[in-house]
Amino acid sequence: MAVENDKQTMDKIYALTDNDGHPSSQSSFLCLKYIRIMEDFRSMQPRQLYGLNQISSADDHLSLLFYLTRMFRSNCRFQATNVQDRIYALLNMSGLASNIEFNNRLNTANLLGNKKTPQDTPDYNDRLAKFFTIAATHFLTSGPQDRRLDFLSHAGTSNQSQLPNLPSWVPDWSLEPASNPLLAYDGTLELLQHPRLKGILESVADWQSCDEVSFNGRPQHQAALEKLHQMPPVMITQTMYRATKDSLPSLTVDEERGILDLTGGIIDRLHSVGEPFPDLNSGGGRSHHPLEQLEYFTSTMVTITRWFVLSQTALSLSHASSSTHIDRQTQLAHNMLFERTLLADVSHPAFDFTLPSSPVRPIPEGKVGFAMLIMRLASGRLPLESVNQEDLRQNLMEWAAHLGATCKGRHFGVTETGLMGLFPMGGKVGDEVALAFGMGVPVLVRMVGEDGQGKEKGNEENVWEKKQLYEFIGPAYVHGIMDGEGMDRMGSAGSILLK
């Protein structure tokens, strides 16, 4: 397929979006409902914050990780006020401010008290790095055991932190994220498991059936409530990625040296990496100028087409040991896998109570195929007049929104064994794909040296086994191993040392 697309056809396709903003914009009505729901989410705070004397239990709190994740997920960069002040406010909201062990850690690091330091100074940045490291270490030892590595989905060198001595596995929560977290790593799961969710669902059902007037019950309200109650279990049982199946984290932390030792293994390496997905906001601030929007849309289509050409490498690698000719059926199946990879194989990129149904995996077959269609249209090989314009417009809007959510801040890449995936920014050929017990998604790491302080080889030898040291680049979506298939590739598990 030619990489270059027909400009006149591209202009016509873009015109179908017919809106003043980015193709992913939603109606103001849905946005308003979502804002109302999020206001209820934010009200999940300790009862004493409302002036009540009753002592709250730990279940009344959402965790510090939830609040950091929500701010991270919504691209909040703490710009309005001092980052330290915001962080300590979140400590109070999460109830962690009264945690003795956590406060002891802060006190040891000289982070308690009212010490004020100007932003963007060495001392200020050093304090931030220490706080984030303490918070990450706390997450490793608190909360449900099967969720203790969730924060790693927000870490990695792909975010280009400038904080001094910040380990690569510790998130810099002061930065705008390079990419959106993969589904269920944006605080959704904690929200779904919160005991106060039932009350919130009642409110949402009220909003979704607010125009219903009936003297014989409220069937619309009941239907909305049933749908909402079904969404959390569907999300948990059918949507979550389980790259390491039901394994639990096995880890140790060398706090003095800032090294996280995870149990897992390297299962693959990057063979080739495409260009990054175009960033609409790279110039600073979202543009609404039609010509700039058209330029973004055009560059997106060029990138997707180039990624598709690169994806043929996966087809070659996966059939390298076979003399079988790659027939049309094999190529068509590959095309579908390519599109599923672009969309992270999930029907919706984020969980939202205003959606008509829960996100599901894999994407239903009837929803796959639009990428191939749009590339054929863009290249001029299929006349635009041959497709239903209204259907094309609706599908284009949904596809562009989904694509932007999953591909933003990521590269398309192919591994040495012929797997396709979306990899974090900064990924290079030779970087390694790893699975860490207890983490739902694969991660990309880069070997940076050896650590001689490993375990002793044997009782009779006074020799220390050297282990590889890795830099944590970030989480990845790798099609074909997101439900535990990669565990069979691992062999015996070992240490993954992250510095």
Protein backbone atom coordinates (compact mmCIF):
# COMPACT_ATOMS: atom_id res chain seq x y z
CA MET A 1 0.00 0.00 0.00
CA ALA A 2 1.31 3.45 -0.88
CA VAL A 3 2.13 5.61 2.10
CA GLU A 4 1.06 8.85 0.47
CA ASN A 5 -2.66 9.58 0.46
CA ASP A 6 -4.74 11.53 -2.03
CA LYS A 7 -5.00 15.12 -0.72
CA GLN A 8 -8.37 15.96 -2.27
CA THR A 9 -9.90 12.78 -0.90
CA MET A 10 -8.36 13.49 2.53
CA ASP A 11 -9.99 16.94 2.52
CA LYS A 12 -13.37 15.41 1.70
CA ILE A 13 -13.07 12.77 4.41
CA TYR A 14 -12.06 15.36 6.98
CA ALA A 15 -15.03 17.56 5.99
CA LEU A 16 -17.33 14.77 7.17
CA THR A 17 -16.34 15.49 10.76
CA ASP A 18 -18.10 18.85 10.42
CA ASN A 19 -17.18 20.24 13.82
CA ASP A 20 -15.15 23.11 15.16
CA GLY A 21 -12.89 21.04 17.36
CA HIS A 22 -11.08 17.77 17.42
CA PRO A 23 -13.01 14.83 15.96
CA SER A 24 -13.08 13.24 19.42
CA SER A 25 -15.21 15.98 21.01
CA GLN A 26 -18.44 14.80 22.65
CA SER A 27 -21.79 16.47 23.03
CA SER A 28 -22.09 19.02 25.82
CA PHE A 29 -24.92 16.96 27.31
CA LEU A 30 -22.72 13.91 27.84
CA CYS A 31 -19.93 16.10 29.15
CA LEU A 32 -22.31 17.70 31.64
CA LYS A 33 -23.47 14.30 32.89
CA TYR A 34 -19.91 13.12 33.22
CA ILE A 35 -18.98 16.23 35.21
CA ARG A 36 -21.89 15.60 37.56
CA ILE A 37 -20.78 12.01 38.07
CA MET A 38 -17.21 13.06 38.74
CA GLU A 39 -18.45 15.54 41.32
CA ASP A 40 -19.99 12.60 43.17
CA PHE A 41 -16.73 10.69 42.83
CA ARG A 42 -14.89 13.58 44.44
CA SER A 43 -17.37 13.56 47.31
CA MET A 44 -16.00 10.16 48.37
CA GLN A 45 -14.09 11.66 51.27
CA PRO A 46 -13.85 10.88 54.98
CA ARG A 47 -17.01 11.72 56.87
CA GLN A 48 -15.16 13.98 59.28
CA LEU A 49 -14.40 16.35 56.40
CA TYR A 50 -18.10 17.20 56.48
CA GLY A 51 -17.99 18.12 60.15
CA LEU A 52 -19.35 14.80 61.43
CA ASN A 53 -17.91 13.35 64.61
CA GLN A 54 -18.15 9.74 63.57
CA ILE A 55 -14.71 8.26 62.93
CA SER A 56 -14.46 7.03 59.37
CA SER A 57 -13.14 3.65 58.41
CA ALA A 58 -10.48 3.04 55.80
CA ASP A 59 -13.26 2.03 53.40
CA ASP A 60 -14.53 5.62 53.34
CA HIS A 61 -11.35 6.74 51.64
CA LEU A 62 -10.24 6.54 48.09
CA SER A 63 -6.50 6.06 47.97
CA LEU A 64 -3.84 8.63 47.24
CA LEU A 65 -3.13 6.62 44.10
CA PHE A 66 -6.72 7.17 42.97
CA TYR A 67 -6.48 10.94 43.31
CA LEU A 68 -3.06 11.10 41.66
CA THR A 69 -4.29 8.84 38.88
CA ARG A 70 -7.42 10.89 38.28
CA MET A 71 -5.37 14.06 38.05
CA PHE A 72 -2.86 12.27 35.83
CA ARG A 73 -5.65 10.82 33.67
CA SER A 74 -7.31 14.20 33.15
CA ASN A 75 -4.04 15.89 32.14
CA CYS A 76 -4.00 18.09 35.25
CA ARG A 77 -0.45 19.37 35.69
CA PHE A 78 -0.83 21.17 39.03
CA GLN A 79 -0.23 24.43 37.15
CA ALA A 80 -2.46 26.61 39.28
CA THR A 81 -0.67 26.23 42.61
CA ASN A 82 2.46 24.88 44.25
CA VAL A 83 2.78 21.16 43.53
CA GLN A 84 3.74 20.38 47.13
CA ASP A 85 0.60 22.08 48.41
CA ARG A 86 -1.56 20.08 46.03
CA ILE A 87 0.09 16.82 47.03
CA TYR A 88 -0.42 17.41 50.74
CA ALA A 89 -4.06 18.31 50.09
CA LEU A 90 -4.47 14.96 48.35
CA LEU A 91 -2.91 13.26 51.37
CA ASN A 92 -5.73 14.63 53.50
CA MET A 93 -8.40 13.60 51.01
CA SER A 94 -7.07 10.05 50.89
CA GLY A 95 -6.72 9.74 54.66
CA LEU A 96 -3.03 8.97 54.26
CA ALA A 97 -2.09 12.09 56.21
CA SER A 98 -2.96 10.21 59.41
CA ASN A 99 -1.06 7.06 58.45
CA ILE A 100 1.72 6.65 61.04
CA GLU A 101 4.04 4.56 58.87
CA PHE A 102 3.71 6.94 55.92
CA ASN A 103 4.35 9.96 58.13
CA ASN A 104 7.42 8.29 59.60
CA ARG A 105 8.78 7.90 56.08
CA LEU A 106 8.11 11.56 55.34
CA ASN A 107 9.68 12.62 58.62
CA THR A 108 12.80 10.54 57.97
CA ALA A 109 13.14 12.25 54.59
CA ASN A 110 12.62 15.67 56.24
CA LEU A 111 9.45 16.23 54.24
CA LEU A 112 7.11 17.08 57.11
CA GLY A 113 6.49 20.58 58.36
CA ASN A 114 5.83 23.86 56.64
CA LYS A 115 9.11 24.21 54.83
CA LYS A 116 8.55 26.29 51.70
CA THR A 117 10.94 26.23 48.79
CA PRO A 118 10.53 28.07 45.49
CA GLN A 119 9.43 25.93 42.58
CA ASP A 120 11.95 24.92 39.91
CA THR A 121 14.87 25.04 42.34
CA PRO A 122 17.19 22.11 43.12
CA ASP A 123 15.89 21.82 46.69
CA TYR A 124 12.24 21.93 45.63
CA ASN A 125 12.71 19.34 42.88
CA ASP A 126 14.69 17.11 45.23
CA ARG A 127 11.85 17.20 47.77
CA LEU A 128 9.33 16.30 45.06
CA ALA A 129 11.45 13.37 43.90
CA LYS A 130 11.73 12.10 47.47
CA PHE A 131 7.99 12.42 48.05
CA PHE A 132 7.04 10.60 44.85
CA THR A 133 9.50 7.81 45.69
CA ILE A 134 8.05 7.43 49.18
CA ALA A 135 4.51 7.39 47.74
CA ALA A 136 5.44 4.72 45.17
CA THR A 137 7.12 2.60 47.85
CA HIS A 138 3.96 2.91 49.96
CA PHE A 139 1.80 1.71 47.05
CA LEU A 140 3.97 -1.41 46.80
CA THR A 141 3.03 -2.48 50.31
CA SER A 142 -0.56 -1.23 50.72
CA GLY A 143 -3.97 -1.87 49.25
CA PRO A 144 -5.21 -5.07 47.58
CA GLN A 145 -2.24 -7.29 46.81
CA ASP A 146 -3.27 -7.87 43.21
CA ARG A 147 -3.32 -4.10 42.51
CA ARG A 148 -0.03 -3.03 44.09
CA LEU A 149 1.78 -2.58 40.79
CA ASP A 150 -0.95 -0.51 39.14
CA PHE A 151 0.96 2.73 39.70
CA LEU A 152 3.68 1.49 37.32
CA SER A 153 1.27 2.23 34.48
CA HIS A 154 1.99 5.91 35.16
CA ALA A 155 5.76 5.60 35.46
CA GLY A 156 8.62 5.30 33.03
CA THR A 157 11.23 7.31 31.19
CA SER A 158 8.70 7.92 28.40
CA ASN A 159 7.32 10.76 30.54
CA GLN A 160 10.71 12.53 30.48
CA SER A 161 10.85 13.59 34.12
CA GLN A 162 13.51 16.16 35.01
CA LEU A 163 13.41 15.49 38.74
CA PRO A 164 16.84 14.56 40.15
CA ASN A 165 17.53 10.97 41.24
CA LEU A 166 13.97 9.83 40.50
CA PRO A 167 14.00 6.07 39.83
CA SER A 168 12.54 5.16 36.45
CA TRP A 169 9.83 3.08 38.16
CA VAL A 170 8.53 6.05 40.18
CA PRO A 171 5.91 8.26 38.48
CA ASP A 172 6.50 12.00 38.27
CA TRP A 173 2.96 13.07 39.11
CA SER A 174 3.75 16.73 38.36
CA LEU A 175 3.99 16.07 34.62
CA GLU A 176 1.30 15.86 32.02
CA PRO A 177 1.17 12.20 30.94
CA ALA A 178 2.78 11.26 27.65
CA SER A 179 -0.11 8.87 27.01
CA ASN A 180 -3.46 7.88 28.46
CA PRO A 181 -3.31 4.92 30.85
CA LEU A 182 -4.60 1.68 29.38
CA LEU A 183 -8.16 0.81 30.35
CA ALA A 184 -8.74 0.20 34.09
CA TYR A 185 -5.44 1.83 35.08
CA ASP A 186 -7.03 5.26 35.48
CA GLY A 187 -8.57 4.60 38.91
CA THR A 188 -11.65 2.88 37.48
CA LEU A 189 -11.23 -0.44 39.26
CA GLU A 190 -10.87 1.14 42.70
CA LEU A 191 -13.97 3.18 41.99
CA LEU A 192 -15.97 0.13 40.94
CA GLN A 193 -15.00 -1.70 44.13
CA HIS A 194 -15.80 1.18 46.47
CA PRO A 195 -18.66 0.54 48.94
CA ARG A 196 -20.29 3.88 48.13
CA LEU A 197 -20.63 3.07 44.44
CA LYS A 198 -24.22 1.84 44.90
CA GLY A 199 -25.41 5.28 45.97
CA ILE A 200 -23.67 6.92 43.05
CA LEU A 201 -25.28 4.48 40.63
CA GLU A 202 -28.68 5.47 42.00
CA SER A 203 -27.87 9.11 41.22
CA VAL A 204 -26.65 8.29 37.73
CA ALA A 205 -29.83 6.31 37.00
CA ASP A 206 -31.86 9.31 38.15
CA TRP A 207 -30.00 11.55 35.71
CA GLN A 208 -30.36 9.09 32.84
CA SER A 209 -34.13 8.87 33.35
CA CYS A 210 -34.76 12.43 34.54
CA ASP A 211 -37.50 13.04 31.93
CA GLU A 212 -39.48 9.94 32.92
CA VAL A 213 -42.92 10.63 34.37
CA SER A 214 -45.00 7.62 35.36
CA PHE A 215 -47.66 6.75 37.91
CA ASN A 216 -46.97 3.03 37.51
CA GLY A 217 -43.34 2.85 38.51
CA ARG A 218 -40.27 4.06 36.62
CA PRO A 219 -39.30 1.43 34.05
CA GLN A 220 -36.65 3.68 32.42
CA HIS A 221 -35.05 4.34 35.79
CA GLN A 222 -35.09 0.64 36.66
CA ALA A 223 -33.58 -0.30 33.30
CA ALA A 224 -30.85 2.32 33.70
CA LEU A 225 -30.08 1.10 37.20
CA GLU A 226 -29.87 -2.54 36.11
CA LYS A 227 -27.53 -1.58 33.28
CA LEU A 228 -25.29 0.40 35.63
CA HIS A 229 -25.14 -2.41 38.18
CA GLN A 230 -24.11 -4.84 35.43
CA MET A 231 -21.26 -2.64 34.21
CA PRO A 232 -18.83 -3.10 37.15
CA PRO A 233 -18.81 -6.93 37.17
CA VAL A 234 -18.58 -7.01 33.37
CA MET A 235 -15.69 -4.58 33.55
CA ILE A 236 -13.84 -6.66 36.15
CA THR A 237 -14.46 -10.10 34.62
CA GLN A 238 -14.41 -9.41 30.88
CA THR A 239 -12.47 -6.21 30.22
CA MET A 240 -9.37 -6.22 32.41
CA TYR A 241 -6.05 -7.10 30.82
CA ARG A 242 -4.44 -10.13 32.49
CA ALA A 243 -1.03 -10.45 30.89
CA THR A 244 0.28 -12.40 33.91
CA LYS A 245 -3.00 -14.27 34.51
CA ASP A 246 -3.88 -14.30 38.22
CA SER A 247 -0.34 -14.04 39.56
CA LEU A 248 0.39 -11.82 42.56
CA PRO A 249 3.32 -9.41 42.86
CA SER A 250 6.56 -10.75 44.28
CA LEU A 251 8.98 -7.94 44.97
CA THR A 252 11.55 -6.29 47.18
CA VAL A 253 12.67 -2.68 47.32
CA ASP A 254 16.19 -1.45 48.02
CA GLU A 255 15.16 1.98 49.27
CA GLU A 256 18.72 3.15 49.80
CA ARG A 257 19.66 2.57 46.17
CA GLY A 258 16.21 3.11 44.67
CA ILE A 259 16.03 -0.34 43.05
CA LEU A 260 12.78 -2.28 42.63
CA ASP A 261 13.24 -6.04 42.26
CA LEU A 262 10.24 -7.63 40.54
CA THR A 263 9.67 -11.29 39.84
CA GLY A 264 9.00 -12.01 36.19
CA GLY A 265 10.90 -12.43 32.97
CA ILE A 266 11.87 -11.09 29.56
CA ILE A 267 9.74 -12.65 26.82
CA ASP A 268 10.50 -10.67 23.66
CA ARG A 269 12.41 -7.74 22.11
CA LEU A 270 11.47 -4.86 19.85
CA HIS A 271 12.39 -5.63 16.26
CA SER A 272 11.10 -2.42 14.66
CA VAL A 273 9.40 0.76 15.83
CA GLY A 274 7.30 3.25 13.88
CA GLU A 275 7.05 6.99 14.19
CA PRO A 276 5.12 8.37 17.18
CA PHE A 277 1.42 9.10 16.85
CA PRO A 278 0.84 12.78 15.93
CA ASP A 279 0.19 15.08 18.88
CA LEU A 280 -2.47 17.72 18.33
CA ASN A 281 -1.23 19.65 21.36
CA SER A 282 2.48 19.58 20.55
CA GLY A 283 2.39 23.30 19.83
CA GLY A 284 0.97 23.98 23.25
CA GLY A 285 -2.76 24.14 23.84
CA ARG A 286 -5.47 22.56 21.76
CA SER A 287 -5.99 24.12 18.37
CA HIS A 288 -9.45 24.72 16.95
CA HIS A 289 -8.36 26.26 13.65
CA PRO A 290 -9.87 24.19 10.81
CA LEU A 291 -6.66 24.18 8.75
CA GLU A 292 -4.59 22.98 11.71
CA GLN A 293 -7.22 20.33 12.45
CA LEU A 294 -7.06 19.20 8.84
CA GLU A 295 -3.26 19.06 9.02
CA TYR A 296 -3.51 16.91 12.16
CA PHE A 297 -6.04 14.58 10.55
CA THR A 298 -3.88 14.25 7.45
CA SER A 299 -0.73 13.52 9.46
CA THR A 300 -2.67 10.94 11.48
CA MET A 301 -3.72 9.11 8.35
CA VAL A 302 -0.16 9.20 6.98
CA THR A 303 1.13 7.75 10.27
CA ILE A 304 -1.50 4.98 10.37
CA THR A 305 -0.69 4.05 6.77
CA ARG A 306 3.03 3.90 7.54
CA TRP A 307 2.32 1.82 10.62
CA PHE A 308 0.32 -0.58 8.46
CA VAL A 309 3.25 -0.94 6.07
CA LEU A 310 5.50 -1.64 9.08
CA SER A 311 3.01 -4.22 10.36
CA GLN A 312 3.81 -6.40 7.36
CA THR A 313 7.10 -7.11 9.15
CA ALA A 314 5.08 -8.93 11.81
CA LEU A 315 3.52 -11.10 9.13
CA SER A 316 6.96 -11.98 7.74
CA LEU A 317 8.47 -12.72 11.16
CA SER A 318 5.58 -14.88 12.32
CA HIS A 319 5.83 -16.97 9.13
CA ALA A 320 9.63 -16.98 8.93
CA SER A 321 9.91 -20.67 9.84
CA SER A 322 7.21 -21.70 7.41
CA SER A 323 7.43 -22.08 3.67
CA THR A 324 3.68 -21.59 3.40
CA HIS A 325 2.63 -18.78 1.07
CA ILE A 326 0.87 -15.89 2.80
CA ASP A 327 -2.53 -16.13 1.13
CA ARG A 328 -5.36 -13.62 1.03
CA GLN A 329 -7.12 -15.05 4.09
CA THR A 330 -3.93 -14.79 6.14
CA GLN A 331 -3.47 -11.19 5.00
CA LEU A 332 -7.06 -10.29 5.87
CA ALA A 333 -6.67 -11.84 9.33
CA HIS A 334 -3.47 -9.84 9.79
CA ASN A 335 -5.29 -6.64 8.80
CA MET A 336 -7.86 -7.23 11.52
CA LEU A 337 -5.15 -7.89 14.11
CA PHE A 338 -3.49 -4.63 13.10
CA GLU A 339 -6.68 -2.68 13.74
CA ARG A 340 -7.32 -4.45 17.04
CA THR A 341 -3.81 -3.43 18.07
CA LEU A 342 -4.47 0.23 17.22
CA LEU A 343 -7.57 0.19 19.44
CA ALA A 344 -5.97 -1.94 22.20
CA ASP A 345 -8.69 -4.48 21.33
CA VAL A 346 -11.31 -2.88 23.55
CA SER A 347 -14.67 -1.48 22.46
CA HIS A 348 -14.23 1.77 24.42
CA PRO A 349 -10.88 3.24 25.53
CA ALA A 350 -12.13 4.39 28.94
CA PHE A 351 -14.82 3.47 31.45
CA ASP A 352 -17.64 6.01 31.61
CA PHE A 353 -21.01 5.58 33.32
CA THR A 354 -22.63 7.58 30.51
CA LEU A 355 -21.74 4.88 27.97
CA PRO A 356 -24.58 2.66 26.74
CA SER A 357 -22.67 -0.44 27.89
CA SER A 358 -19.42 -1.54 29.50
CA PRO A 359 -16.22 -1.63 27.46
CA VAL A 360 -15.62 -5.21 26.33
CA ARG A 361 -12.72 -7.23 25.00
CA PRO A 362 -12.16 -8.32 22.35
CA ILE A 363 -13.75 -5.73 20.11
CA PRO A 364 -16.86 -7.26 18.49
CA GLU A 365 -16.11 -8.34 14.92
CA GLY A 366 -18.69 -5.97 13.50
CA LYS A 367 -16.72 -3.03 14.93
CA VAL A 368 -13.44 -4.00 13.25
CA GLY A 369 -12.48 -3.05 9.71
CA PHE A 370 -12.85 0.71 9.66
CA ALA A 371 -9.10 1.37 9.59
CA MET A 372 -8.76 -0.62 6.37
CA LEU A 373 -11.73 1.21 4.87
CA ILE A 374 -10.46 4.66 5.75
CA MET A 375 -6.98 3.89 4.39
CA ARG A 376 -8.46 2.70 1.10
CA LEU A 377 -10.55 5.86 0.89
CA ALA A 378 -7.63 8.11 1.81
CA SER A 379 -5.41 6.56 -0.85
CA GLY A 380 -8.08 7.05 -3.50
CA ARG A 381 -8.31 3.30 -4.21
CA LEU A 382 -11.95 3.32 -3.09
CA PRO A 383 -14.25 6.15 -4.27
CA LEU A 384 -15.66 8.20 -1.42
CA GLU A 385 -19.03 8.24 -3.17
CA SER A 386 -19.25 4.45 -2.89
CA VAL A 387 -19.92 4.49 0.87
CA ASN A 388 -22.80 5.85 2.93
CA GLN A 389 -21.73 9.34 3.97
CA GLU A 390 -23.67 9.47 7.24
CA ASP A 391 -22.45 6.06 8.39
CA LEU A 392 -18.91 7.04 7.43
CA ARG A 393 -19.18 10.29 9.36
CA GLN A 394 -20.40 8.60 12.56
CA ASN A 395 -17.82 5.82 12.37
CA LEU A 396 -15.07 8.31 11.61
CA MET A 397 -15.89 10.37 14.71
CA GLU A 398 -15.90 7.32 16.97
CA TRP A 399 -12.79 5.81 15.40
CA ALA A 400 -10.79 9.05 15.63
CA ALA A 401 -11.71 9.47 19.30
CA HIS A 402 -10.76 5.88 20.12
CA LEU A 403 -7.55 6.05 18.11
CA GLY A 404 -6.49 9.28 19.82
CA ALA A 405 -7.11 7.80 23.26
CA THR A 406 -5.10 4.62 22.73
CA CYS A 407 -2.30 5.79 20.42
CA LYS A 408 -1.51 9.23 21.87
CA GLY A 409 2.05 9.24 23.19
CA ARG A 410 2.82 5.79 21.79
CA HIS A 411 4.63 4.14 18.87
CA PHE A 412 3.42 1.17 16.88
CA GLY A 413 6.03 -1.57 16.93
CA VAL A 414 6.75 -5.18 16.04
CA THR A 415 8.60 -7.65 18.27
CA GLU A 416 11.19 -10.21 17.19
CA THR A 417 8.59 -12.98 17.37
CA GLY A 418 6.17 -11.08 15.13
CA LEU A 419 3.82 -9.59 17.72
CA MET A 420 2.34 -6.14 17.10
CA GLY A 421 1.90 -3.60 19.86
CA LEU A 422 1.64 -0.02 21.07
CA PHE A 423 4.81 0.93 22.92
CA PRO A 424 5.69 3.95 25.08
CA MET A 425 7.47 6.98 23.68
CA GLY A 426 11.22 6.57 23.62
CA GLY A 427 11.10 2.86 22.86
CA LYS A 428 13.94 1.68 20.63
CA VAL A 429 14.87 -1.40 18.65
CA GLY A 430 16.40 -3.89 21.08
CA ASP A 431 14.36 -2.80 24.09
CA GLU A 432 12.88 -5.79 25.89
CA VAL A 433 9.29 -6.77 26.60
CA ALA A 434 8.87 -8.05 30.15
CA LEU A 435 6.11 -9.56 32.26
CA ALA A 436 6.11 -8.81 35.98
CA PHE A 437 4.04 -11.02 38.27
CA GLY A 438 0.97 -9.17 39.47
CA MET A 439 0.89 -6.62 36.66
CA GLY A 440 -1.91 -6.79 34.12
CA VAL A 441 0.01 -5.41 31.15
CA PRO A 442 3.47 -6.03 29.66
CA VAL A 443 6.19 -3.43 30.18
CA LEU A 444 9.07 -2.18 28.07
CA VAL A 445 12.49 -2.11 29.73
CA ARG A 446 16.04 -1.30 28.63
CA MET A 447 19.18 -2.96 29.97
CA VAL A 448 21.51 -0.33 31.46
CA GLY A 449 24.12 -2.43 33.27
CA GLU A 450 24.65 -5.08 35.91
CA ASP A 451 24.10 -5.22 39.63
CA GLY A 452 26.70 -7.18 41.59
CA GLN A 453 24.69 -7.24 44.81
CA GLY A 454 22.55 -10.19 43.85
CA LYS A 455 22.11 -13.45 45.71
CA GLU A 456 25.02 -15.70 46.62
CA LYS A 457 25.56 -18.49 44.08
CA GLY A 458 26.25 -21.30 46.52
CA ASN A 459 27.29 -22.14 50.03
CA GLU A 460 30.79 -23.20 49.00
CA GLU A 461 31.51 -20.30 46.66
CA ASN A 462 32.01 -16.82 47.96
CA VAL A 463 30.79 -15.43 44.65
CA TRP A 464 27.88 -13.12 43.99
CA GLU A 465 25.65 -13.62 40.99
CA LYS A 466 25.39 -10.55 38.79
CA LYS A 467 21.94 -9.52 37.64
CA GLN A 468 20.91 -7.28 34.78
CA LEU A 469 19.77 -3.77 35.68
CA TYR A 470 16.94 -2.27 33.66
CA GLU A 471 15.47 1.14 33.07
CA PHE A 472 11.67 1.18 33.09
CA ILE A 473 10.39 2.80 29.89
CA GLY A 474 6.69 2.24 30.42
CA PRO A 475 3.68 -0.05 30.01
CA ALA A 476 2.78 -1.49 26.60
CA TYR A 477 -0.08 -3.09 24.76
CA VAL A 478 1.18 -6.19 22.91
CA HIS A 479 -1.50 -8.01 20.96
CA GLY A 480 -1.53 -11.73 21.60
CA ILE A 481 -0.17 -11.76 25.16
CA MET A 482 -2.69 -9.60 27.03
CA ASP A 483 -4.52 -12.58 28.54
CA GLY A 484 -1.59 -14.57 29.85
CA GLU A 485 -0.36 -16.18 26.64
CA GLY A 486 3.11 -14.73 27.24
CA MET A 487 3.55 -16.60 30.53
CA ASP A 488 4.33 -19.77 28.58
CA ARG A 489 7.16 -17.93 26.80
CA MET A 490 8.82 -16.93 30.06
CA GLY A 491 10.18 -20.26 31.21
CA SER A 492 11.44 -20.01 34.78
CA ALA A 493 10.80 -16.67 36.43
CA GLY A 494 13.65 -14.53 37.67
CA SER A 495 14.43 -11.02 38.83
CA ILE A 496 13.73 -7.84 36.91
CA LEU A 497 15.80 -5.15 38.62
CA LEU A 498 14.51 -1.65 37.88
CA LYS A 499 16.60 1.38 38.78
